[in-house]
């Protein structure tokens, strides 16, 4: 999730979707008590992605 618009050099800061309130993540326990309708992010990469 973008935190701000890109600067003159094209650099753009991003925000964690769980911190933005758009998902739940087990790494950030305070996000787990949010709405059950929010997607649960799997922070561990899949075996094939390693």
N, C-alpha and C. Protein backbone atom coordinates (compact mmCIF):
# COMPACT_ATOMS: atom_id res chain seq x y z
N UNK A 1 0.84 -1.16 0.00
CA UNK A 1 0.00 0.00 0.00
C UNK A 1 0.89 1.24 0.00
N UNK A 2 0.68 2.14 -0.93
CA UNK A 2 1.48 3.36 -0.96
C UNK A 2 1.20 4.22 0.27
N UNK A 3 2.26 4.78 0.82
CA UNK A 3 2.14 5.68 1.96
C UNK A 3 2.04 7.12 1.50
N UNK A 4 2.63 7.39 0.37
CA UNK A 4 2.64 8.75 -0.17
C UNK A 4 2.86 8.66 -1.68
N UNK A 5 2.73 9.78 -2.36
CA UNK A 5 2.98 9.81 -3.80
C UNK A 5 4.48 9.71 -4.07
N UNK A 6 4.82 9.27 -5.25
CA UNK A 6 6.23 9.16 -5.63
C UNK A 6 6.87 10.54 -5.66
N UNK A 7 8.16 10.59 -5.26
CA UNK A 7 8.88 11.85 -5.32
C UNK A 7 9.42 12.09 -6.73
N UNK A 8 10.23 13.11 -6.90
CA UNK A 8 10.76 13.47 -8.22
C UNK A 8 11.60 12.37 -8.86
N UNK A 9 12.23 11.53 -8.02
CA UNK A 9 13.07 10.45 -8.52
C UNK A 9 12.30 9.14 -8.68
N UNK A 10 11.02 9.15 -8.40
CA UNK A 10 10.20 7.95 -8.55
C UNK A 10 10.14 7.08 -7.31
N UNK A 11 10.81 7.48 -6.22
CA UNK A 11 10.82 6.71 -4.99
C UNK A 11 9.46 6.84 -4.29
N UNK A 12 8.91 5.71 -3.86
CA UNK A 12 7.61 5.73 -3.20
C UNK A 12 7.65 4.85 -1.96
N UNK A 13 7.30 5.39 -0.82
CA UNK A 13 7.26 4.63 0.42
C UNK A 13 6.00 3.77 0.45
N UNK A 14 6.15 2.57 1.02
CA UNK A 14 5.04 1.63 1.09
C UNK A 14 4.72 1.32 2.55
N UNK A 15 3.47 0.88 2.79
CA UNK A 15 3.02 0.55 4.13
C UNK A 15 2.55 -0.90 4.16
N UNK A 16 2.78 -1.56 5.25
CA UNK A 16 2.32 -2.93 5.46
C UNK A 16 0.79 -2.96 5.41
N UNK A 17 0.18 -3.88 4.64
CA UNK A 17 -1.29 -3.94 4.56
C UNK A 17 -1.95 -4.21 5.91
N UNK A 18 -1.29 -4.98 6.78
CA UNK A 18 -1.86 -5.24 8.11
C UNK A 18 -1.90 -3.97 8.94
N UNK A 19 -0.85 -3.17 8.88
CA UNK A 19 -0.82 -1.91 9.61
C UNK A 19 -1.82 -0.90 9.05
N UNK A 20 -2.13 -1.01 7.78
CA UNK A 20 -3.09 -0.11 7.14
C UNK A 20 -4.53 -0.53 7.42
N UNK A 21 -4.72 -1.68 8.08
CA UNK A 21 -6.07 -2.14 8.40
C UNK A 21 -6.73 -2.90 7.27
N UNK A 22 -5.96 -3.36 6.29
CA UNK A 22 -6.51 -4.05 5.13
C UNK A 22 -6.35 -5.56 5.19
N UNK A 23 -5.63 -6.08 6.21
CA UNK A 23 -5.38 -7.52 6.33
C UNK A 23 -5.05 -7.85 7.77
N UNK A 24 -4.97 -9.16 8.05
CA UNK A 24 -4.52 -9.66 9.34
C UNK A 24 -3.19 -10.39 9.11
N UNK A 25 -2.30 -10.34 10.11
CA UNK A 25 -1.00 -10.98 9.96
C UNK A 25 -0.57 -11.55 11.30
N UNK A 26 -0.12 -12.81 11.32
CA UNK A 26 0.29 -13.44 12.57
C UNK A 26 1.57 -12.84 13.14
N UNK A 27 2.36 -12.17 12.33
CA UNK A 27 3.56 -11.50 12.83
C UNK A 27 3.18 -10.29 13.68
N UNK A 28 2.05 -9.70 13.39
CA UNK A 28 1.57 -8.53 14.12
C UNK A 28 0.28 -8.91 14.85
N UNK A 29 0.40 -9.50 16.06
CA UNK A 29 -0.76 -10.03 16.79
C UNK A 29 -1.88 -9.01 17.00
N UNK A 30 -1.56 -7.73 17.11
CA UNK A 30 -2.61 -6.74 17.33
C UNK A 30 -3.55 -6.62 16.13
N UNK A 31 -3.18 -7.17 14.98
CA UNK A 31 -4.06 -7.12 13.82
C UNK A 31 -5.00 -8.33 13.76
N UNK A 32 -4.75 -9.35 14.59
CA UNK A 32 -5.53 -10.58 14.52
C UNK A 32 -6.93 -10.45 15.11
N UNK A 33 -7.19 -9.43 15.89
CA UNK A 33 -8.52 -9.27 16.48
C UNK A 33 -9.44 -8.39 15.63
N UNK A 34 -9.02 -8.12 14.42
CA UNK A 34 -9.84 -7.33 13.50
C UNK A 34 -10.91 -8.19 12.86
N UNK A 35 -11.70 -7.61 12.05
CA UNK A 35 -12.81 -8.29 11.39
C UNK A 35 -12.39 -9.61 10.75
N UNK A 36 -13.20 -10.61 10.93
CA UNK A 36 -12.93 -11.93 10.35
C UNK A 36 -13.01 -11.87 8.82
N UNK A 37 -13.59 -10.83 8.28
CA UNK A 37 -13.71 -10.70 6.83
C UNK A 37 -12.42 -10.21 6.17
N UNK A 38 -11.47 -9.74 6.95
CA UNK A 38 -10.19 -9.31 6.38
C UNK A 38 -9.35 -10.52 6.03
N UNK A 39 -8.61 -10.47 4.92
CA UNK A 39 -7.76 -11.61 4.55
C UNK A 39 -6.63 -11.81 5.55
N UNK A 40 -6.23 -13.05 5.74
CA UNK A 40 -5.11 -13.40 6.60
C UNK A 40 -3.87 -13.56 5.72
N UNK A 41 -2.84 -12.76 5.99
CA UNK A 41 -1.61 -12.80 5.21
C UNK A 41 -0.72 -13.91 5.75
N UNK A 42 -0.15 -14.71 4.86
CA UNK A 42 0.80 -15.75 5.24
C UNK A 42 2.20 -15.17 5.07
N UNK A 43 2.89 -14.82 6.16
CA UNK A 43 4.19 -14.18 6.03
C UNK A 43 5.31 -15.10 5.62
N UNK A 44 5.11 -16.42 5.70
CA UNK A 44 6.13 -17.36 5.31
C UNK A 44 6.07 -17.62 3.81
N UNK A 45 7.19 -17.55 3.11
CA UNK A 45 7.17 -17.83 1.66
C UNK A 45 6.84 -19.30 1.40
N UNK A 46 6.20 -19.55 0.30
CA UNK A 46 5.89 -20.91 -0.09
C UNK A 46 7.17 -21.69 -0.36
N UNK A 47 7.13 -22.99 -0.19
CA UNK A 47 8.31 -23.83 -0.39
C UNK A 47 8.89 -23.67 -1.80
N UNK A 48 8.04 -23.53 -2.80
CA UNK A 48 8.51 -23.40 -4.18
C UNK A 48 9.15 -22.03 -4.45
N UNK A 49 8.90 -21.05 -3.60
CA UNK A 49 9.42 -19.71 -3.82
C UNK A 49 10.82 -19.51 -3.24
N UNK A 50 11.34 -20.51 -2.56
CA UNK A 50 12.66 -20.37 -1.92
C UNK A 50 13.78 -20.71 -2.86
